[in-house]
Amino acid sequence: MHEYSIVQAMFDQIESQAARRQAIAVKRVCVRIGRAAGVDVPLLKTAYDTFRVKTICEQAPLEVEEIPERWSCPEGHGDIPPGRRLTCDQCGKPATMASGDEIVLERLELEVP
């Protein structure tokens, strides 16, 4: 149920950005969520719909782009292909996650007078 706390943090950022730009409404909210972030996207959308009532985001749909996991060699030998062991073929070092665990408020569309 941490999706509700994620949405609350998103709203804090959204309201701050909207106030900074003197927006009267938010028209769209776009987020990127890594598949390894441990976020239940349908529950996140439900939480967003619950929080947006009577806020500056009331009419703003939430768009979610899910980002797949991407693993790479920590020594710079490139990405590890999906489905392979998470070690580098060249140096044998364990792979590090290059992307796929992020939660990013990517874009807001604001109505500014």
N, C-alpha and C. Protein backbone atom coordinates (compact mmCIF):
# COMPACT_ATOMS: atom_id res chain seq x y z
N MET A 1 0.81 -1.21 0.00
CA MET A 1 0.00 0.00 0.00
C MET A 1 0.86 1.27 0.00
N HIS A 2 2.14 1.15 -0.33
CA HIS A 2 2.97 2.36 -0.38
C HIS A 2 2.62 3.22 -1.59
N GLU A 3 1.75 2.72 -2.47
CA GLU A 3 1.33 3.52 -3.62
C GLU A 3 0.66 4.81 -3.18
N TYR A 4 -0.07 4.78 -2.07
CA TYR A 4 -0.72 6.00 -1.59
C TYR A 4 0.30 7.02 -1.12
N SER A 5 1.38 6.57 -0.49
CA SER A 5 2.42 7.53 -0.07
C SER A 5 3.18 8.05 -1.28
N ILE A 6 3.34 7.24 -2.31
CA ILE A 6 3.98 7.71 -3.55
C ILE A 6 3.13 8.80 -4.18
N VAL A 7 1.82 8.57 -4.24
CA VAL A 7 0.92 9.57 -4.82
C VAL A 7 0.93 10.84 -3.99
N GLN A 8 0.96 10.72 -2.67
CA GLN A 8 1.01 11.92 -1.83
C GLN A 8 2.28 12.72 -2.11
N ALA A 9 3.40 12.04 -2.26
CA ALA A 9 4.66 12.73 -2.60
C ALA A 9 4.57 13.38 -3.98
N MET A 10 3.92 12.69 -4.93
CA MET A 10 3.73 13.27 -6.26
C MET A 10 2.91 14.55 -6.17
N PHE A 11 1.84 14.51 -5.39
CA PHE A 11 0.99 15.69 -5.26
C PHE A 11 1.74 16.85 -4.61
N ASP A 12 2.61 16.56 -3.66
CA ASP A 12 3.42 17.63 -3.07
C ASP A 12 4.27 18.30 -4.15
N GLN A 13 4.89 17.50 -5.02
CA GLN A 13 5.71 18.06 -6.10
C GLN A 13 4.85 18.80 -7.12
N ILE A 14 3.73 18.20 -7.49
CA ILE A 14 2.85 18.82 -8.48
C ILE A 14 2.35 20.17 -7.99
N GLU A 15 1.87 20.22 -6.75
CA GLU A 15 1.35 21.47 -6.21
C GLU A 15 2.45 22.53 -6.11
N SER A 16 3.66 22.12 -5.76
CA SER A 16 4.78 23.05 -5.69
C SER A 16 5.10 23.62 -7.07
N GLN A 17 5.17 22.76 -8.08
CA GLN A 17 5.46 23.22 -9.44
C GLN A 17 4.34 24.11 -9.98
N ALA A 18 3.11 23.73 -9.71
CA ALA A 18 1.97 24.52 -10.18
C ALA A 18 1.96 25.90 -9.53
N ALA A 19 2.25 25.97 -8.24
CA ALA A 19 2.29 27.26 -7.54
C ALA A 19 3.43 28.12 -8.07
N ARG A 20 4.58 27.52 -8.30
CA ARG A 20 5.74 28.25 -8.81
C ARG A 20 5.43 28.90 -10.16
N ARG A 21 4.62 28.23 -10.96
CA ARG A 21 4.30 28.75 -12.30
C ARG A 21 2.93 29.44 -12.35
N GLN A 22 2.32 29.61 -11.19
CA GLN A 22 1.02 30.27 -11.05
C GLN A 22 -0.05 29.60 -11.93
N ALA A 23 -0.02 28.29 -11.98
CA ALA A 23 -0.99 27.53 -12.77
C ALA A 23 -2.35 27.54 -12.09
N ILE A 24 -3.39 27.54 -12.91
CA ILE A 24 -4.74 27.46 -12.35
C ILE A 24 -5.29 26.04 -12.44
N ALA A 25 -4.64 25.20 -13.23
CA ALA A 25 -5.06 23.80 -13.33
C ALA A 25 -3.91 22.96 -13.88
N VAL A 26 -3.96 21.68 -13.56
CA VAL A 26 -3.05 20.71 -14.15
C VAL A 26 -3.88 19.92 -15.16
N LYS A 27 -3.38 19.82 -16.37
CA LYS A 27 -4.12 19.16 -17.45
C LYS A 27 -3.68 17.71 -17.67
N ARG A 28 -2.45 17.38 -17.29
CA ARG A 28 -1.95 16.02 -17.50
C ARG A 28 -0.75 15.79 -16.58
N VAL A 29 -0.66 14.57 -16.07
CA VAL A 29 0.47 14.17 -15.23
C VAL A 29 1.06 12.90 -15.85
N CYS A 30 2.36 12.95 -16.13
CA CYS A 30 3.05 11.81 -16.74
C CYS A 30 4.17 11.34 -15.82
N VAL A 31 4.18 10.05 -15.52
CA VAL A 31 5.22 9.48 -14.67
C VAL A 31 5.87 8.29 -15.37
N ARG A 32 7.14 8.05 -15.02
CA ARG A 32 7.86 6.85 -15.45
C ARG A 32 8.11 6.00 -14.22
N ILE A 33 7.75 4.72 -14.32
CA ILE A 33 7.91 3.82 -13.19
C ILE A 33 8.63 2.57 -13.66
N GLY A 34 9.74 2.27 -13.03
CA GLY A 34 10.48 1.06 -13.36
C GLY A 34 9.74 -0.17 -12.86
N ARG A 35 9.81 -1.22 -13.63
CA ARG A 35 9.13 -2.47 -13.25
C ARG A 35 9.72 -3.07 -11.97
N ALA A 36 10.95 -2.72 -11.66
CA ALA A 36 11.59 -3.22 -10.44
C ALA A 36 11.39 -2.27 -9.25
N ALA A 37 10.58 -1.24 -9.42
CA ALA A 37 10.35 -0.27 -8.34
C ALA A 37 9.40 -0.79 -7.28
N GLY A 38 8.75 -1.91 -7.55
CA GLY A 38 7.83 -2.48 -6.57
C GLY A 38 6.51 -1.74 -6.48
N VAL A 39 6.11 -1.10 -7.57
CA VAL A 39 4.87 -0.32 -7.58
C VAL A 39 3.79 -1.11 -8.33
N ASP A 40 2.64 -1.23 -7.71
CA ASP A 40 1.47 -1.82 -8.36
C ASP A 40 0.79 -0.70 -9.14
N VAL A 41 0.97 -0.67 -10.46
CA VAL A 41 0.49 0.45 -11.28
C VAL A 41 -1.02 0.63 -11.19
N PRO A 42 -1.84 -0.42 -11.28
CA PRO A 42 -3.29 -0.20 -11.13
C PRO A 42 -3.65 0.42 -9.77
N LEU A 43 -2.98 -0.01 -8.71
CA LEU A 43 -3.24 0.58 -7.39
C LEU A 43 -2.76 2.02 -7.34
N LEU A 44 -1.64 2.33 -7.98
CA LEU A 44 -1.16 3.71 -8.05
C LEU A 44 -2.20 4.60 -8.74
N LYS A 45 -2.77 4.11 -9.83
CA LYS A 45 -3.79 4.88 -10.55
C LYS A 45 -5.04 5.08 -9.70
N THR A 46 -5.42 4.06 -8.95
CA THR A 46 -6.56 4.19 -8.03
C THR A 46 -6.26 5.23 -6.96
N ALA A 47 -5.06 5.18 -6.40
CA ALA A 47 -4.66 6.15 -5.38
C ALA A 47 -4.67 7.56 -5.95
N TYR A 48 -4.16 7.72 -7.17
CA TYR A 48 -4.15 9.03 -7.82
C TYR A 48 -5.58 9.55 -7.99
N ASP A 49 -6.46 8.69 -8.48
CA ASP A 49 -7.86 9.10 -8.68
C ASP A 49 -8.52 9.49 -7.36
N THR A 50 -8.14 8.83 -6.28
CA THR A 50 -8.68 9.16 -4.96
C THR A 50 -8.17 10.52 -4.49
N PHE A 51 -6.87 10.78 -4.65
CA PHE A 51 -6.27 12.02 -4.17
C PHE A 51 -6.64 13.24 -5.00
N ARG A 52 -6.89 13.08 -6.29
CA ARG A 52 -7.04 14.25 -7.16
C ARG A 52 -8.37 14.98 -7.02
N VAL A 53 -9.34 14.36 -6.36
CA VAL A 53 -10.65 15.00 -6.17
C VAL A 53 -10.47 16.31 -5.40
N LYS A 54 -11.05 17.37 -5.95
CA LYS A 54 -11.03 18.71 -5.34
C LYS A 54 -9.61 19.26 -5.18
N THR A 55 -8.74 18.91 -6.13
CA THR A 55 -7.39 19.48 -6.14
C THR A 55 -7.16 20.13 -7.50
N ILE A 56 -6.01 20.73 -7.66
CA ILE A 56 -5.63 21.35 -8.93
C ILE A 56 -5.51 20.30 -10.04
N CYS A 57 -5.43 19.02 -9.65
CA CYS A 57 -5.30 17.91 -10.61
C CYS A 57 -6.62 17.22 -10.93
N GLU A 58 -7.72 17.80 -10.48
CA GLU A 58 -9.00 17.09 -10.59
C GLU A 58 -9.31 16.62 -12.01
N GLN A 59 -8.94 17.40 -13.02
CA GLN A 59 -9.24 17.04 -14.40
C GLN A 59 -8.04 16.43 -15.14
N ALA A 60 -6.95 16.18 -14.43
CA ALA A 60 -5.71 15.72 -15.07
C ALA A 60 -5.61 14.20 -15.05
N PRO A 61 -5.56 13.58 -16.22
CA PRO A 61 -5.33 12.13 -16.24
C PRO A 61 -3.89 11.81 -15.87
N LEU A 62 -3.70 10.62 -15.33
CA LEU A 62 -2.37 10.14 -15.00
C LEU A 62 -1.92 9.18 -16.10
N GLU A 63 -0.78 9.48 -16.71
CA GLU A 63 -0.20 8.59 -17.71
C GLU A 63 1.04 7.95 -17.11
N VAL A 64 1.11 6.63 -17.20
CA VAL A 64 2.23 5.89 -16.62
C VAL A 64 2.99 5.17 -17.73
N GLU A 65 4.28 5.42 -17.80
CA GLU A 65 5.15 4.68 -18.70
C GLU A 65 5.96 3.71 -17.85
N GLU A 66 5.80 2.43 -18.10
CA GLU A 66 6.55 1.43 -17.35
C GLU A 66 7.89 1.18 -18.03
N ILE A 67 8.95 1.22 -17.24
CA ILE A 67 10.31 1.07 -17.74
C ILE A 67 10.83 -0.33 -17.38
N PRO A 68 11.28 -1.10 -18.38
CA PRO A 68 11.82 -2.42 -18.07
C PRO A 68 13.16 -2.32 -17.35
N GLU A 69 13.51 -3.40 -16.68
CA GLU A 69 14.82 -3.46 -16.03
C GLU A 69 15.91 -3.51 -17.09
N ARG A 70 17.00 -2.82 -16.81
CA ARG A 70 18.18 -2.88 -17.69
C ARG A 70 19.40 -3.01 -16.79
N TRP A 71 20.18 -4.04 -17.04
CA TRP A 71 21.37 -4.33 -16.26
C TRP A 71 22.61 -4.08 -17.10
N SER A 72 23.68 -3.61 -16.45
CA SER A 72 24.91 -3.35 -17.19
C SER A 72 26.13 -3.71 -16.34
N CYS A 73 27.26 -3.78 -17.02
CA CYS A 73 28.54 -4.06 -16.36
C CYS A 73 29.00 -2.81 -15.62
N PRO A 74 29.42 -2.95 -14.36
CA PRO A 74 29.89 -1.77 -13.61
C PRO A 74 31.21 -1.21 -14.15
N GLU A 75 31.91 -1.98 -14.98
CA GLU A 75 33.18 -1.54 -15.56
C GLU A 75 33.00 -0.93 -16.94
N GLY A 76 31.74 -0.81 -17.40
CA GLY A 76 31.48 -0.16 -18.67
C GLY A 76 31.55 -1.06 -19.90
N HIS A 77 31.45 -2.36 -19.69
CA HIS A 77 31.50 -3.29 -20.82
C HIS A 77 30.15 -3.47 -21.51
N GLY A 78 29.18 -2.68 -21.15
CA GLY A 78 27.90 -2.72 -21.84
C GLY A 78 26.79 -3.38 -21.05
N ASP A 79 25.64 -3.47 -21.70
CA ASP A 79 24.45 -4.05 -21.08
C ASP A 79 24.50 -5.57 -21.06
N ILE A 80 23.82 -6.14 -20.07
CA ILE A 80 23.67 -7.58 -19.97
C ILE A 80 22.32 -7.91 -20.62
N PRO A 81 22.29 -8.76 -21.63
CA PRO A 81 21.02 -9.07 -22.30
C PRO A 81 20.01 -9.71 -21.34
N PRO A 82 18.72 -9.41 -21.54
CA PRO A 82 17.68 -10.01 -20.70
C PRO A 82 17.74 -11.54 -20.76
N GLY A 83 17.48 -12.16 -19.63
CA GLY A 83 17.45 -13.61 -19.55
C GLY A 83 18.81 -14.26 -19.32
N ARG A 84 19.87 -13.48 -19.27
CA ARG A 84 21.21 -14.01 -19.05
C ARG A 84 21.58 -13.88 -17.58
N ARG A 85 22.66 -14.57 -17.20
CA ARG A 85 23.18 -14.41 -15.84
C ARG A 85 23.57 -12.95 -15.65
N LEU A 86 23.39 -12.45 -14.46
CA LEU A 86 23.65 -11.04 -14.18
C LEU A 86 25.12 -10.82 -13.81
N THR A 87 25.98 -11.30 -14.68
CA THR A 87 27.41 -11.04 -14.57
C THR A 87 27.94 -10.68 -15.95
N CYS A 88 28.99 -9.91 -15.98
CA CYS A 88 29.59 -9.49 -17.24
C CYS A 88 30.40 -10.64 -17.85
N ASP A 89 30.19 -10.91 -19.12
CA ASP A 89 30.95 -11.96 -19.81
C ASP A 89 32.42 -11.59 -19.94
N GLN A 90 32.73 -10.31 -19.97
CA GLN A 90 34.12 -9.88 -20.19
C GLN A 90 34.94 -9.86 -18.90
N CYS A 91 34.36 -9.31 -17.82
CA CYS A 91 35.15 -9.17 -16.59
C CYS A 91 34.66 -10.04 -15.44
N GLY A 92 33.47 -10.63 -15.58
CA GLY A 92 32.94 -11.50 -14.54
C GLY A 92 32.32 -10.80 -13.36
N LYS A 93 32.31 -9.47 -13.37
CA LYS A 93 31.75 -8.73 -12.24
C LYS A 93 30.22 -8.78 -12.28
N PRO A 94 29.59 -8.72 -11.08
CA PRO A 94 28.13 -8.70 -11.03
C PRO A 94 27.59 -7.44 -11.70
N ALA A 95 26.49 -7.62 -12.40
CA ALA A 95 25.84 -6.49 -13.09
C ALA A 95 25.21 -5.55 -12.07
N THR A 96 25.07 -4.31 -12.48
CA THR A 96 24.34 -3.33 -11.68
C THR A 96 23.11 -2.91 -12.47
N MET A 97 22.06 -2.55 -11.76
CA MET A 97 20.84 -2.12 -12.43
C MET A 97 21.05 -0.71 -12.97
N ALA A 98 20.94 -0.57 -14.29
CA ALA A 98 21.12 0.73 -14.94
C ALA A 98 19.82 1.51 -14.99
N SER A 99 18.72 0.82 -15.09
CA SER A 99 17.40 1.46 -15.04
C SER A 99 16.36 0.40 -14.77
N GLY A 100 15.18 0.87 -14.38
CA GLY A 100 14.09 -0.05 -14.11
C GLY A 100 13.61 -0.04 -12.69
N ASP A 101 14.27 0.74 -11.83
CA ASP A 101 13.81 0.84 -10.44
C ASP A 101 13.40 2.26 -10.08
N GLU A 102 13.27 3.12 -11.09
CA GLU A 102 12.98 4.53 -10.84
C GLU A 102 11.48 4.80 -10.73
N ILE A 103 11.18 5.90 -10.05
CA ILE A 103 9.84 6.49 -10.00
C ILE A 103 10.06 7.97 -10.27
N VAL A 104 9.63 8.45 -11.45
CA VAL A 104 9.96 9.80 -11.88
C VAL A 104 8.70 10.54 -12.31
N LEU A 105 8.49 11.72 -11.73
CA LEU A 105 7.45 12.62 -12.23
C LEU A 105 8.04 13.26 -13.48
N GLU A 106 7.67 12.73 -14.63
CA GLU A 106 8.33 13.07 -15.90
C GLU A 106 7.85 14.39 -16.48
N ARG A 107 6.54 14.62 -16.48
CA ARG A 107 6.02 15.80 -17.17
C ARG A 107 4.67 16.21 -16.58
N LEU A 108 4.47 17.52 -16.53
CA LEU A 108 3.18 18.10 -16.15
C LEU A 108 2.74 19.02 -17.26
N GLU A 109 1.47 18.98 -17.58
CA GLU A 109 0.89 19.97 -18.48
C GLU A 109 0.02 20.87 -17.61
N LEU A 110 0.38 22.15 -17.59
CA LEU A 110 -0.28 23.11 -16.71
C LEU A 110 -1.07 24.12 -17.51
N GLU A 111 -2.15 24.59 -16.92
CA GLU A 111 -2.89 25.71 -17.49
C GLU A 111 -2.48 26.95 -16.71
N VAL A 112 -1.83 27.86 -17.43
CA VAL A 112 -1.31 29.08 -16.82
C VAL A 112 -2.03 30.26 -17.45
N PRO A 113 -2.55 31.19 -16.61
CA PRO A 113 -3.28 32.33 -17.18
C PRO A 113 -2.37 33.28 -17.95
